[in-house]
PDB file of N, CA and C in Angstrom:
ATOM      1  N   MET A   1     146.430 129.447 147.539  1.00  0.00           N
ATOM      2  CA  MET A   1     146.390 129.829 146.146  1.00  0.00           C
ATOM      3  C   MET A   1     145.214 130.767 145.939  1.00  0.00           C
ATOM      4  N   ALA A   2     145.402 131.784 145.128  1.00  0.00           N
ATOM      5  CA  ALA A   2     144.348 132.737 144.827  1.00  0.00           C
ATOM      6  C   ALA A   2     143.234 132.042 144.057  1.00  0.00           C
ATOM      7  N   GLU A   3     142.061 132.678 144.045  1.00  0.00           N
ATOM      8  CA  GLU A   3     140.936 132.131 143.295  1.00  0.00           C
ATOM      9  C   GLU A   3     141.328 131.944 141.834  1.00  0.00           C
ATOM     10  N   MET A   4     141.058 130.768 141.312  1.00  0.00           N
ATOM     11  CA  MET A   4     141.434 130.474 139.930  1.00  0.00           C
ATOM     12  C   MET A   4     140.345 130.933 138.965  1.00  0.00           C
ATOM     13  N   GLU A   5     140.768 131.397 137.820  1.00  0.00           N
ATOM     14  CA  GLU A   5     139.862 131.719 136.726  1.00  0.00           C
ATOM     15  C   GLU A   5     139.290 130.409 136.178  1.00  0.00           C
ATOM     16  N   PRO A   6     138.122 130.460 135.529  1.00  0.00           N
ATOM     17  CA  PRO A   6     137.565 129.228 134.952  1.00  0.00           C
ATOM     18  C   PRO A   6     138.535 128.531 134.002  1.00  0.00           C
ATOM     19  N   ASN A   7     139.243 129.278 133.162  1.00  0.00           N
ATOM     20  CA  ASN A   7     140.214 128.657 132.263  1.00  0.00           C
ATOM     21  C   ASN A   7     141.323 127.970 133.043  1.00  0.00           C
ATOM     22  N   ASP A   8     141.734 128.559 134.172  1.00  0.00           N
ATOM     23  CA  ASP A   8     142.779 127.947 134.992  1.00  0.00           C
ATOM     24  C   ASP A   8     142.346 126.571 135.473  1.00  0.00           C
ATOM     25  N   ARG A   9     141.138 126.461 135.991  1.00  0.00           N
ATOM     26  CA  ARG A   9     140.627 125.172 136.477  1.00  0.00           C
ATOM     27  C   ARG A   9     140.548 124.167 135.334  1.00  0.00           C
ATOM     28  N   GLU A  10     140.068 124.613 134.188  1.00  0.00           N
ATOM     29  CA  GLU A  10     139.946 123.720 133.031  1.00  0.00           C
ATOM     30  C   GLU A  10     141.318 123.222 132.577  1.00  0.00           C
ATOM     31  N   ILE A  11     142.269 124.129 132.468  1.00  0.00           N
ATOM     32  CA  ILE A  11     143.611 123.753 132.001  1.00  0.00           C
ATOM     33  C   ILE A  11     144.310 122.866 133.022  1.00  0.00           C
ATOM     34  N   LEU A  12     144.208 123.197 134.307  1.00  0.00           N
ATOM     35  CA  LEU A  12     144.851 122.360 135.327  1.00  0.00           C
ATOM     36  C   LEU A  12     144.203 120.972 135.393  1.00  0.00           C
ATOM     37  N   GLY A  13     142.904 120.895 135.199  1.00  0.00           N
ATOM     38  CA  GLY A  13     142.239 119.598 135.158  1.00  0.00           C
ATOM     39  C   GLY A  13     142.715 118.764 133.978  1.00  0.00           C
ATOM     40  N   LEU A  14     142.880 119.413 132.836  1.00  0.00           N
ATOM     41  CA  LEU A  14     143.392 118.728 131.659  1.00  0.00           C
ATOM     42  C   LEU A  14     144.832 118.272 131.898  1.00  0.00           C
ATOM     43  N   GLU A  15     145.632 119.145 132.471  1.00  0.00           N
ATOM     44  CA  GLU A  15     147.033 118.798 132.767  1.00  0.00           C
ATOM     45  C   GLU A  15     147.103 117.571 133.671  1.00  0.00           C
ATOM     46  N   ARG A  16     146.300 117.547 134.713  1.00  0.00           N
ATOM     47  CA  ARG A  16     146.282 116.404 135.627  1.00  0.00           C
ATOM     48  C   ARG A  16     145.879 115.126 134.889  1.00  0.00           C
ATOM     49  N   SER A  17     144.913 115.240 134.000  1.00  0.00           N
ATOM     50  CA  SER A  17     144.435 114.074 133.261  1.00  0.00           C
ATOM     51  C   SER A  17     145.516 113.474 132.364  1.00  0.00           C
ATOM     52  N   PHE A  18     146.463 114.284 131.898  1.00  0.00           N
ATOM     53  CA  PHE A  18     147.538 113.731 131.073  1.00  0.00           C
ATOM     54  C   PHE A  18     148.392 112.728 131.849  1.00  0.00           C
ATOM     55  N   TRP A  19     148.485 112.842 133.166  1.00  0.00           N
ATOM     56  CA  TRP A  19     149.256 111.880 133.963  1.00  0.00           C
ATOM     57  C   TRP A  19     148.629 110.484 133.923  1.00  0.00           C
ATOM     58  N   PHE A  20     147.326 110.412 133.735  1.00  0.00           N
ATOM     59  CA  PHE A  20     146.600 109.145 133.824  1.00  0.00           C
ATOM     60  C   PHE A  20     145.996 108.700 132.494  1.00  0.00           C
ATOM     61  N   GLY A  21     145.967 109.580 131.508  1.00  0.00           N
ATOM     62  CA  GLY A  21     145.266 109.317 130.257  1.00  0.00           C
ATOM     63  C   GLY A  21     145.889 108.219 129.417  1.00  0.00           C
ATOM     64  N   ASP A  22     145.045 107.600 128.602  1.00  0.00           N
ATOM     65  CA  ASP A  22     145.490 106.544 127.686  1.00  0.00           C
ATOM     66  C   ASP A  22     145.745 107.161 126.305  1.00  0.00           C
ATOM     67  N   ALA A  23     146.123 106.319 125.360  1.00  0.00           N
ATOM     68  CA  ALA A  23     146.455 106.803 124.016  1.00  0.00           C
ATOM     69  C   ALA A  23     145.292 107.563 123.362  1.00  0.00           C
ATOM     70  N   PRO A  24     144.037 107.081 123.444  1.00  0.00           N
ATOM     71  CA  PRO A  24     142.941 107.864 122.847  1.00  0.00           C
ATOM     72  C   PRO A  24     142.783 109.250 123.497  1.00  0.00           C
ATOM     73  N   PHE A  25     143.027 109.346 124.815  1.00  0.00           N
ATOM     74  CA  PHE A  25     142.985 110.652 125.476  1.00  0.00           C
ATOM     75  C   PHE A  25     144.047 111.575 124.882  1.00  0.00           C
ATOM     76  N   TYR A  26     145.250 111.052 124.709  1.00  0.00           N
ATOM     77  CA  TYR A  26     146.332 111.848 124.127  1.00  0.00           C
ATOM     78  C   TYR A  26     145.992 112.260 122.700  1.00  0.00           C
ATOM     79  N   GLU A  27     145.459 111.347 121.907  1.00  0.00           N
ATOM     80  CA  GLU A  27     145.072 111.669 120.533  1.00  0.00           C
ATOM     81  C   GLU A  27     144.071 112.815 120.497  1.00  0.00           C
ATOM     82  N   ALA A  28     143.147 112.833 121.436  1.00  0.00           N
ATOM     83  CA  ALA A  28     142.101 113.850 121.470  1.00  0.00           C
ATOM     84  C   ALA A  28     142.581 115.189 122.011  1.00  0.00           C
ATOM     85  N   ASN A  29     143.636 115.197 122.823  1.00  0.00           N
ATOM     86  CA  ASN A  29     144.003 116.414 123.554  1.00  0.00           C
ATOM     87  C   ASN A  29     145.378 116.985 123.239  1.00  0.00           C
ATOM     88  N   LEU A  30     146.122 116.363 122.339  1.00  0.00           N
ATOM     89  CA  LEU A  30     147.399 116.931 121.908  1.00  0.00           C
ATOM     90  C   LEU A  30     147.196 117.748 120.644  1.00  0.00           C
ATOM     91  N   ALA A  31     147.850 118.907 120.582  1.00  0.00           N
ATOM     92  CA  ALA A  31     147.842 119.708 119.362  1.00  0.00           C
ATOM     93  C   ALA A  31     148.572 118.945 118.261  1.00  0.00           C
ATOM     94  N   ALA A  32     148.246 119.234 117.031  1.00  0.00           N
ATOM     95  CA  ALA A  32     148.850 118.541 115.889  1.00  0.00           C
ATOM     96  C   ALA A  32     150.367 118.681 115.870  1.00  0.00           C
ATOM     97  N   ASN A  33     150.879 119.812 116.312  1.00  0.00           N
ATOM     98  CA  ASN A  33     152.328 120.059 116.283  1.00  0.00           C
ATOM     99  C   ASN A  33     152.974 119.879 117.652  1.00  0.00           C
ATOM    100  N   CYS A  34     152.352 119.092 118.522  1.00  0.00           N
ATOM    101  CA  CYS A  34     152.853 118.920 119.884  1.00  0.00           C
ATOM    102  C   CYS A  34     154.288 118.394 119.907  1.00  0.00           C
ATOM    103  N   ARG A  35     155.019 118.883 120.891  1.00  0.00           N
ATOM    104  CA  ARG A  35     156.393 118.414 121.139  1.00  0.00           C
ATOM    105  C   ARG A  35     156.527 118.212 122.644  1.00  0.00           C
ATOM    106  N   MET A  36     157.244 117.183 123.044  1.00  0.00           N
ATOM    107  CA  MET A  36     157.463 116.885 124.464  1.00  0.00           C
ATOM    108  C   MET A  36     158.937 116.636 124.703  1.00  0.00           C
ATOM    109  N   THR A  37     159.391 116.989 125.898  1.00  0.00           N
ATOM    110  CA  THR A  37     160.784 116.790 126.291  1.00  0.00           C
ATOM    111  C   THR A  37     160.789 116.054 127.624  1.00  0.00           C
ATOM    112  N   PHE A  38     161.357 114.834 127.606  1.00  0.00           N
ATOM    113  CA  PHE A  38     161.418 114.030 128.824  1.00  0.00           C
ATOM    114  C   PHE A  38     162.854 113.583 129.086  1.00  0.00           C
ATOM    115  N   PRO A  39     163.265 113.572 130.364  1.00  0.00           N
ATOM    116  CA  PRO A  39     164.592 113.061 130.682  1.00  0.00           C
ATOM    117  C   PRO A  39     164.693 111.589 130.285  1.00  0.00           C
ATOM    118  N   GLY A  40     165.778 111.235 129.667  1.00  0.00           N
ATOM    119  CA  GLY A  40     166.000 109.861 129.256  1.00  0.00           C
ATOM    120  C   GLY A  40     165.331 109.477 127.948  1.00  0.00           C
ATOM    121  N   LEU A  41     164.378 110.270 127.496  1.00  0.00           N
ATOM    122  CA  LEU A  41     163.677 109.983 126.247  1.00  0.00           C
ATOM    123  C   LEU A  41     164.003 111.005 125.156  1.00  0.00           C
ATOM    124  N   GLY A  42     164.336 112.210 125.569  1.00  0.00           N
ATOM    125  CA  GLY A  42     164.646 113.263 124.607  1.00  0.00           C
ATOM    126  C   GLY A  42     163.401 113.950 124.093  1.00  0.00           C
ATOM    127  N   LEU A  43     163.495 114.437 122.860  1.00  0.00           N
ATOM    128  CA  LEU A  43     162.399 115.161 122.228  1.00  0.00           C
ATOM    129  C   LEU A  43     161.465 114.180 121.522  1.00  0.00           C
ATOM    130  N   LEU A  44     160.173 114.326 121.782  1.00  0.00           N
ATOM    131  CA  LEU A  44     159.165 113.462 121.166  1.00  0.00           C
ATOM    132  C   LEU A  44     158.168 114.324 120.396  1.00  0.00           C
ATOM    133  N   ASP A  45     157.757 113.856 119.229  1.00  0.00           N
ATOM    134  CA  ASP A  45     156.673 114.520 118.528  1.00  0.00           C
ATOM    135  C   ASP A  45     155.351 113.888 118.974  1.00  0.00           C
ATOM    136  N   ARG A  46     154.271 114.338 118.410  1.00  0.00           N
ATOM    137  CA  ARG A  46     152.942 113.875 118.809  1.00  0.00           C
ATOM    138  C   ARG A  46     152.808 112.356 118.650  1.00  0.00           C
ATOM    139  N   ASP A  47     153.169 111.842 117.493  1.00  0.00           N
ATOM    140  CA  ASP A  47     153.018 110.400 117.246  1.00  0.00           C
ATOM    141  C   ASP A  47     153.880 109.565 118.188  1.00  0.00           C
ATOM    142  N   GLN A  48     155.098 110.015 118.474  1.00  0.00           N
ATOM    143  CA  GLN A  48     155.979 109.295 119.401  1.00  0.00           C
ATOM    144  C   GLN A  48     155.401 109.310 120.814  1.00  0.00           C
ATOM    145  N   ALA A  49     154.841 110.442 121.235  1.00  0.00           N
ATOM    146  CA  ALA A  49     154.242 110.541 122.573  1.00  0.00           C
ATOM    147  C   ALA A  49     153.063 109.584 122.707  1.00  0.00           C
ATOM    148  N   ILE A  50     152.201 109.556 121.705  1.00  0.00           N
ATOM    149  CA  ILE A  50     151.032 108.668 121.748  1.00  0.00           C
ATOM    150  C   ILE A  50     151.472 107.204 121.766  1.00  0.00           C
ATOM    151  N   ALA A  51     152.462 106.859 120.952  1.00  0.00           N
ATOM    152  CA  ALA A  51     152.969 105.480 120.930  1.00  0.00           C
ATOM    153  C   ALA A  51     153.561 105.094 122.286  1.00  0.00           C
ATOM    154  N   GLY A  52     154.279 106.012 122.924  1.00  0.00           N
ATOM    155  CA  GLY A  52     154.864 105.742 124.231  1.00  0.00           C
ATOM    156  C   GLY A  52     153.804 105.514 125.296  1.00  0.00           C
ATOM    157  N   ILE A  53     152.749 106.289 125.261  1.00  0.00           N
ATOM    158  CA  ILE A  53     151.652 106.122 126.221  1.00  0.00           C
ATOM    159  C   ILE A  53     150.963 104.780 125.991  1.00  0.00           C
ATOM    160  N   ALA A  54     150.767 104.407 124.730  1.00  0.00           N
ATOM    161  CA  ALA A  54     150.105 103.138 124.424  1.00  0.00           C
ATOM    162  C   ALA A  54     150.937 101.946 124.893  1.00  0.00           C
ATOM    163  N   ALA A  55     152.267 102.104 124.918  1.00  0.00           N
ATOM    164  CA  ALA A  55     153.156 100.980 125.233  1.00  0.00           C
ATOM    165  C   ALA A  55     153.466 100.821 126.715  1.00  0.00           C
ATOM    166  N   GLY A  56     153.254 101.861 127.511  1.00  0.00           N
ATOM    167  CA  GLY A  56     153.724 101.795 128.891  1.00  0.00           C
ATOM    168  C   GLY A  56     152.632 101.960 129.926  1.00  0.00           C
ATOM    169  N   PRO A  57     152.953 101.620 131.186  1.00  0.00           N
ATOM    170  CA  PRO A  57     151.980 101.783 132.270  1.00  0.00           C
ATOM    171  C   PRO A  57     151.792 103.260 132.625  1.00  0.00           C
ATOM    172  N   ARG A  58     150.638 103.593 133.133  1.00  0.00           N
ATOM    173  CA  ARG A  58     150.320 104.963 133.545  1.00  0.00           C
ATOM    174  C   ARG A  58     150.619 105.131 135.030  1.00  0.00           C
ATOM    175  N   TRP A  59     150.565 106.326 135.506  1.00  0.00           N
ATOM    176  CA  TRP A  59     150.853 106.640 136.911  1.00  0.00           C
ATOM    177  C   TRP A  59     149.666 106.260 137.782  1.00  0.00           C
ATOM    178  N   ASP A  60     149.952 105.848 139.018  1.00  0.00           N
ATOM    179  CA  ASP A  60     148.904 105.516 139.984  1.00  0.00           C
ATOM    180  C   ASP A  60     148.373 106.766 140.674  1.00  0.00           C
ATOM    181  N   SER A  61     149.273 107.712 140.947  1.00  0.00           N
ATOM    182  CA  SER A  61     148.871 108.944 141.629  1.00  0.00           C
ATOM    183  C   SER A  61     149.833 110.058 141.260  1.00  0.00           C
ATOM    184  N   VAL A  62     149.373 111.282 141.408  1.00  0.00           N
ATOM    185  CA  VAL A  62     150.233 112.446 141.210  1.00  0.00           C
ATOM    186  C   VAL A  62     149.779 113.549 142.158  1.00  0.00           C
ATOM    187  N   GLU A  63     150.749 114.217 142.740  1.00  0.00           N
ATOM    188  CA  GLU A  63     150.506 115.404 143.555  1.00  0.00           C
ATOM    189  C   GLU A  63     151.121 116.570 142.802  1.00  0.00           C
ATOM    190  N   MET A  64     150.308 117.576 142.498  1.00  0.00           N
ATOM    191  CA  MET A  64     150.778 118.778 141.811  1.00  0.00           C
ATOM    192  C   MET A  64     150.791 119.919 142.830  1.00  0.00           C
ATOM    193  N   ARG A  65     151.963 120.570 142.972  1.00  0.00           N
ATOM    194  CA  ARG A  65     152.106 121.658 143.945  1.00  0.00           C
ATOM    195  C   ARG A  65     152.576 122.930 143.245  1.00  0.00           C
ATOM    196  N   ASP A  66     152.260 124.054 143.854  1.00  0.00           N
ATOM    197  CA  ASP A  66     152.693 125.362 143.348  1.00  0.00           C
ATOM    198  C   ASP A  66     152.276 125.575 141.896  1.00  0.00           C
ATOM    199  N   GLU A  67     151.042 125.179 141.565  1.00  0.00           N
ATOM    200  CA  GLU A  67     150.554 125.330 140.206  1.00  0.00           C
ATOM    201  C   GLU A  67     150.359 126.801 139.857  1.00  0.00           C
ATOM    202  N   LYS A  68     150.707 127.135 138.626  1.00  0.00           N
ATOM    203  CA  LYS A  68     150.455 128.473 138.113  1.00  0.00           C
ATOM    204  C   LYS A  68     150.081 128.356 136.645  1.00  0.00           C
ATOM    205  N   VAL A  69     149.020 129.054 136.277  1.00  0.00           N
ATOM    206  CA  VAL A  69     148.621 129.178 134.884  1.00  0.00           C
ATOM    207  C   VAL A  69     148.906 130.613 134.473  1.00  0.00           C
ATOM    208  N   GLN A  70     149.776 130.774 133.496  1.00  0.00           N
ATOM    209  CA  GLN A  70     150.166 132.098 133.020  1.00  0.00           C
ATOM    210  C   GLN A  70     149.581 132.292 131.625  1.00  0.00           C
ATOM    211  N   PRO A  71     148.573 133.171 131.477  1.00  0.00           N
ATOM    212  CA  PRO A  71     147.997 133.397 130.158  1.00  0.00           C
ATOM    213  C   PRO A  71     149.017 134.014 129.195  1.00  0.00           C
ATOM    214  N   LEU A  72     148.919 133.614 127.944  1.00  0.00           N
ATOM    215  CA  LEU A  72     149.708 134.200 126.862  1.00  0.00           C
ATOM    216  C   LEU A  72     148.710 134.708 125.823  1.00  0.00           C
ATOM    217  N   GLY A  73     147.955 135.704 126.186  1.00  0.00           N
ATOM    218  CA  GLY A  73     146.844 136.157 125.348  1.00  0.00           C
ATOM    219  C   GLY A  73     145.606 135.359 125.697  1.00  0.00           C
ATOM    220  N   VAL A  74     144.605 135.388 124.802  1.00  0.00           N
ATOM    221  CA  VAL A  74     143.338 134.717 125.110  1.00  0.00           C
ATOM    222  C   VAL A  74     143.306 133.252 124.689  1.00  0.00           C
ATOM    223  N   ASP A  75     144.215 132.846 123.803  1.00  0.00           N
ATOM    224  CA  ASP A  75     144.159 131.483 123.273  1.00  0.00           C
ATOM    225  C   ASP A  75     145.406 130.663 123.543  1.00  0.00           C
ATOM    226  N   ALA A  76     146.188 131.047 124.553  1.00  0.00           N
ATOM    227  CA  ALA A  76     147.386 130.278 124.912  1.00  0.00           C
ATOM    228  C   ALA A  76     147.700 130.517 126.379  1.00  0.00           C
ATOM    229  N   ALA A  77     148.313 129.513 127.012  1.00  0.00           N
ATOM    230  CA  ALA A  77     148.693 129.625 128.421  1.00  0.00           C
ATOM    231  C   ALA A  77     149.818 128.650 128.718  1.00  0.00           C
ATOM    232  N   VAL A  78     150.646 129.033 129.688  1.00  0.00           N
ATOM    233  CA  VAL A  78     151.717 128.175 130.183  1.00  0.00           C
ATOM    234  C   VAL A  78     151.339 127.730 131.591  1.00  0.00           C
ATOM    235  N   VAL A  79     151.521 126.453 131.859  1.00  0.00           N
ATOM    236  CA  VAL A  79     151.283 125.875 133.176  1.00  0.00           C
ATOM    237  C   VAL A  79     152.629 125.441 133.734  1.00  0.00           C
ATOM    238  N   SER A  80     152.873 125.740 135.009  1.00  0.00           N
ATOM    239  CA  SER A  80     154.090 125.251 135.666  1.00  0.00           C
ATOM    240  C   SER A  80     153.727 124.775 137.069  1.00  0.00           C
ATOM    241  N   TYR A  81     154.457 123.735 137.522  1.00  0.00           N
ATOM    242  CA  TYR A  81     154.194 123.180 138.851  1.00  0.00           C
ATOM    243  C   TYR A  81     155.283 122.164 139.197  1.00  0.00           C
ATOM    244  N   ALA A  82     155.287 121.781 140.461  1.00  0.00           N
ATOM    245  CA  ALA A  82     156.142 120.691 140.930  1.00  0.00           C
ATOM    246  C   ALA A  82     155.261 119.454 141.060  1.00  0.00           C
ATOM    247  N   ALA A  83     155.760 118.321 140.578  1.00  0.00           N
ATOM    248  CA  ALA A  83     154.973 117.081 140.603  1.00  0.00           C
ATOM    249  C   ALA A  83     155.706 115.994 141.373  1.00  0.00           C
ATOM    250  N   ARG A  84     154.923 115.202 142.077  1.00  0.00           N
ATOM    251  CA  ARG A  84     155.412 113.979 142.723  1.00  0.00           C
ATOM    252  C   ARG A  84     154.434 112.883 142.331  1.00  0.00           C
ATOM    253  N   ALA A  85     154.918 111.929 141.540  1.00  0.00           N
ATOM    254  CA  ALA A  85     154.048 110.882 141.016  1.00  0.00           C
ATOM    255  C   ALA A  85     154.520 109.519 141.500  1.00  0.00           C
ATOM    256  N   ARG A  86     153.581 108.591 141.570  1.00  0.00           N
ATOM    257  CA  ARG A  86     153.879 107.207 141.966  1.00  0.00           C
ATOM    258  C   ARG A  86     153.309 106.244 140.937  1.00  0.00           C
ATOM    259  N   ARG A  87     154.104 105.203 140.697  1.00  0.00           N
ATOM    260  CA  ARG A  87     153.675 104.079 139.863  1.00  0.00           C
ATOM    261  C   ARG A  87     154.255 102.847 140.541  1.00  0.00           C
ATOM    262  N   GLY A  88     153.383 102.087 141.212  1.00  0.00           N
ATOM    263  CA  GLY A  88     153.874 100.975 142.017  1.00  0.00           C
ATOM    264  C   GLY A  88     154.799 101.523 143.098  1.00  0.00           C
ATOM    265  N   GLU A  89     156.018 100.997 143.164  1.00  0.00           N
ATOM    266  CA  GLU A  89     157.009 101.453 144.148  1.00  0.00           C
ATOM    267  C   GLU A  89     157.833 102.637 143.637  1.00  0.00           C
ATOM    268  N   GLU A  90     157.711 102.947 142.351  1.00  0.00           N
ATOM    269  CA  GLU A  90     158.489 104.039 141.756  1.00  0.00           C
ATOM    270  C   GLU A  90     157.917 105.394 142.175  1.00  0.00           C
ATOM    271  N   VAL A  91     158.811 106.273 142.629  1.00  0.00           N
ATOM    272  CA  VAL A  91     158.441 107.656 142.938  1.00  0.00           C
ATOM    273  C   VAL A  91     159.227 108.560 141.995  1.00  0.00           C
ATOM    274  N   TYR A  92     158.546 109.516 141.406  1.00  0.00           N
ATOM    275  CA  TYR A  92     159.142 110.405 140.420  1.00  0.00           C
ATOM    276  C   TYR A  92     158.799 111.835 140.793  1.00  0.00           C
ATOM    277  N   GLU A  93     159.813 112.689 140.855  1.00  0.00           N
ATOM    278  CA  GLU A  93     159.597 114.100 141.151  1.00  0.00           C
ATOM    279  C   GLU A  93     160.190 114.939 140.037  1.00  0.00           C
ATOM    280  N   ALA A  94     159.425 115.942 139.596  1.00  0.00           N
ATOM    281  CA  ALA A  94     159.888 116.793 138.504  1.00  0.00           C
ATOM    282  C   ALA A  94     159.247 118.171 138.609  1.00  0.00           C
ATOM    283  N   LEU A  95     159.929 119.125 138.007  1.00  0.00           N
ATOM    284  CA  LEU A  95     159.344 120.433 137.738  1.00  0.00           C
ATOM    285  C   LEU A  95     158.804 120.335 136.321  1.00  0.00           C
ATOM    286  N   VAL A  96     157.549 120.742 136.145  1.00  0.00           N
ATOM    287  CA  VAL A  96     156.857 120.499 134.885  1.00  0.00           C
ATOM    288  C   VAL A  96     156.375 121.808 134.286  1.00  0.00           C
ATOM    289  N   GLY A  97     156.527 121.919 132.979  1.00  0.00           N
ATOM    290  CA  GLY A  97     155.999 123.055 132.241  1.00  0.00           C
ATOM    291  C   GLY A  97     155.237 122.567 131.027  1.00  0.00           C
ATOM    292  N   SER A  98     154.081 123.166 130.784  1.00  0.00           N
ATOM    293  CA  SER A  98     153.250 122.806 129.637  1.00  0.00           C
ATOM    294  C   SER A  98     152.703 124.072 129.003  1.00  0.00           C
ATOM    295  N   THR A  99     152.566 124.046 127.694  1.00  0.00           N
ATOM    296  CA  THR A  99     151.960 125.152 126.976  1.00  0.00           C
ATOM    297  C   THR A  99     150.719 124.635 126.265  1.00  0.00           C
ATOM    298  N   TYR A 100     149.623 125.355 126.459  1.00  0.00           N
ATOM    299  CA  TYR A 100     148.348 125.015 125.853  1.00  0.00           C
ATOM    300  C   TYR A 100     147.924 126.093 124.874  1.00  0.00           C
ATOM    301  N   VAL A 101     147.263 125.666 123.802  1.00  0.00           N
ATOM    302  CA  VAL A 101     146.650 126.587 122.850  1.00  0.00           C
ATOM    303  C   VAL A 101     145.184 126.198 122.705  1.00  0.00           C
ATOM    304  N   ARG A 102     144.355 127.199 122.442  1.00  0.00           N
ATOM    305  CA  ARG A 102     142.938 126.914 122.240  1.00  0.00           C
ATOM    306  C   ARG A 102     142.704 126.790 120.735  1.00  0.00           C
ATOM    307  N   GLU A 103     142.210 125.621 120.339  1.00  0.00           N
ATOM    308  CA  GLU A 103     141.893 125.344 118.937  1.00  0.00           C
ATOM    309  C   GLU A 103     140.414 125.044 118.831  1.00  0.00           C
ATOM    310  N   SER A 104     139.685 125.852 118.093  1.00  0.00           N
ATOM    311  CA  SER A 104     138.231 125.663 117.908  1.00  0.00           C
ATOM    312  C   SER A 104     137.519 125.563 119.254  1.00  0.00           C
ATOM    313  N   GLY A 105     137.934 126.387 120.215  1.00  0.00           N
ATOM    314  CA  GLY A 105     137.281 126.437 121.521  1.00  0.00           C
ATOM    315  C   GLY A 105     137.725 125.384 122.517  1.00  0.00           C
ATOM    316  N   THR A 106     138.683 124.536 122.137  1.00  0.00           N
ATOM    317  CA  THR A 106     139.152 123.457 123.010  1.00  0.00           C
ATOM    318  C   THR A 106     140.637 123.634 123.297  1.00  0.00           C
ATOM    319  N   TRP A 107     141.028 123.463 124.555  1.00  0.00           N
ATOM    320  CA  TRP A 107     142.440 123.562 124.923  1.00  0.00           C
ATOM    321  C   TRP A 107     143.179 122.300 124.475  1.00  0.00           C
ATOM    322  N   LYS A 108     144.327 122.498 123.838  1.00  0.00           N
ATOM    323  CA  LYS A 108     145.181 121.403 123.377  1.00  0.00           C
ATOM    324  C   LYS A 108     146.597 121.625 123.906  1.00  0.00           C
ATOM    325  N   LEU A 109     147.245 120.547 124.308  1.00  0.00           N
ATOM    326  CA  LEU A 109     148.629 120.611 124.765  1.00  0.00           C
ATOM    327  C   LEU A 109     149.542 120.693 123.546  1.00  0.00           C
ATOM    328  N   THR A 110     150.376 121.728 123.494  1.00  0.00           N
ATOM    329  CA  THR A 110     151.266 121.897 122.350  1.00  0.00           C
ATOM    330  C   THR A 110     152.740 121.723 122.711  1.00  0.00           C
ATOM    331  N   TYR A 111     153.082 121.896 123.997  1.00  0.00           N
ATOM    332  CA  TYR A 111     154.462 121.647 124.431  1.00  0.00           C
ATOM    333  C   TYR A 111     154.443 121.216 125.893  1.00  0.00           C
ATOM    334  N   HIS A 112     155.330 120.266 126.236  1.00  0.00           N
ATOM    335  CA  HIS A 112     155.363 119.715 127.598  1.00  0.00           C
ATOM    336  C   HIS A 112     156.800 119.319 127.921  1.00  0.00           C
ATOM    337  N   GLN A 113     157.275 119.698 129.114  1.00  0.00           N
ATOM    338  CA  GLN A 113     158.652 119.382 129.504  1.00  0.00           C
ATOM    339  C   GLN A 113     158.721 119.014 130.981  1.00  0.00           C
ATOM    340  N   HIS A 114     159.566 118.023 131.284  1.00  0.00           N
ATOM    341  CA  HIS A 114     159.853 117.625 132.661  1.00  0.00           C
ATOM    342  C   HIS A 114     161.321 117.900 132.963  1.00  0.00           C
ATOM    343  N   THR A 115     161.573 118.496 134.103  1.00  0.00           N
ATOM    344  CA  THR A 115     162.928 118.641 134.630  1.00  0.00           C
ATOM    345  C   THR A 115     162.962 117.870 135.942  1.00  0.00           C
ATOM    346  N   PRO A 116     163.679 116.747 135.993  1.00  0.00           N
ATOM    347  CA  PRO A 116     163.661 115.932 137.217  1.00  0.00           C
ATOM    348  C   PRO A 116     164.232 116.682 138.405  1.00  0.00           C
ATOM    349  N   VAL A 117     163.635 116.426 139.552  1.00  0.00           N
ATOM    350  CA  VAL A 117     164.157 116.957 140.808  1.00  0.00           C
ATOM    351  C   VAL A 117     165.112 115.897 141.337  1.00  0.00           C
ATOM    352  N   LEU A 118     166.363 116.236 141.385  1.00  0.00           N
ATOM    353  CA  LEU A 118     167.380 115.286 141.823  1.00  0.00           C
ATOM    354  C   LEU A 118     167.562 115.385 143.335  1.00  0.00           C
ATOM    355  N   ALA A 119     167.818 114.263 143.955  1.00  0.00           N
ATOM    356  CA  ALA A 119     168.090 114.249 145.397  1.00  0.00           C
ATOM    357  C   ALA A 119     169.369 115.045 145.644  1.00  0.00           C
ATOM    358  N   PRO A 120     169.447 115.798 146.737  1.00  0.00           N
ATOM    359  CA  PRO A 120     170.672 116.543 147.029  1.00  0.00           C
ATOM    360  C   PRO A 120     171.849 115.603 147.242  1.00  0.00           C
ATOM    361  N   ALA A 121     172.988 116.041 146.791  1.00  0.00           N
ATOM    362  CA  ALA A 121     174.222 115.236 146.957  1.00  0.00           C
ATOM    363  C   ALA A 121     174.605 115.190 148.430  1.00  0.00           C
ATOM    364  N   THR A 122     175.083 114.047 148.846  1.00  0.00           N
ATOM    365  CA  THR A 122     175.558 113.909 150.224  1.00  0.00           C
ATOM    366  C   THR A 122     177.069 113.645 150.189  1.00  0.00           C
ATOM    367  N   ASN A 123     177.763 114.170 151.159  1.00  0.00           N
ATOM    368  CA  ASN A 123     179.225 113.976 151.224  1.00  0.00           C
ATOM    369  C   ASN A 123     179.570 112.824 152.114  1.00  0.00           C
TER     370      ASN A 123
END
């Protein structure tokens, strides 16, 4: 991977922290108009996302591969990567996209989507 810009490191660090963060972390780092799209859950607004995090277990580990931060001007960026996460015996793989905006000098997650990586069909 090419040398990352300081904003890239900051945004990727924040993105990684969302895999492990608790409800107060989400409250502090989600934009007011945040929207999330998850397989099996559908579209979630900010309050629904925070409630879901408060109610469920967090991930034990995550591997992020092929990360890219694509700037959208000076105060917005899109992050994309492939993720492999573990929680106990559960393994989850997805292609992930997130959009961040800078509000008052702080990066906030404003949109987040998972597309599951399905095992190839066997005949």
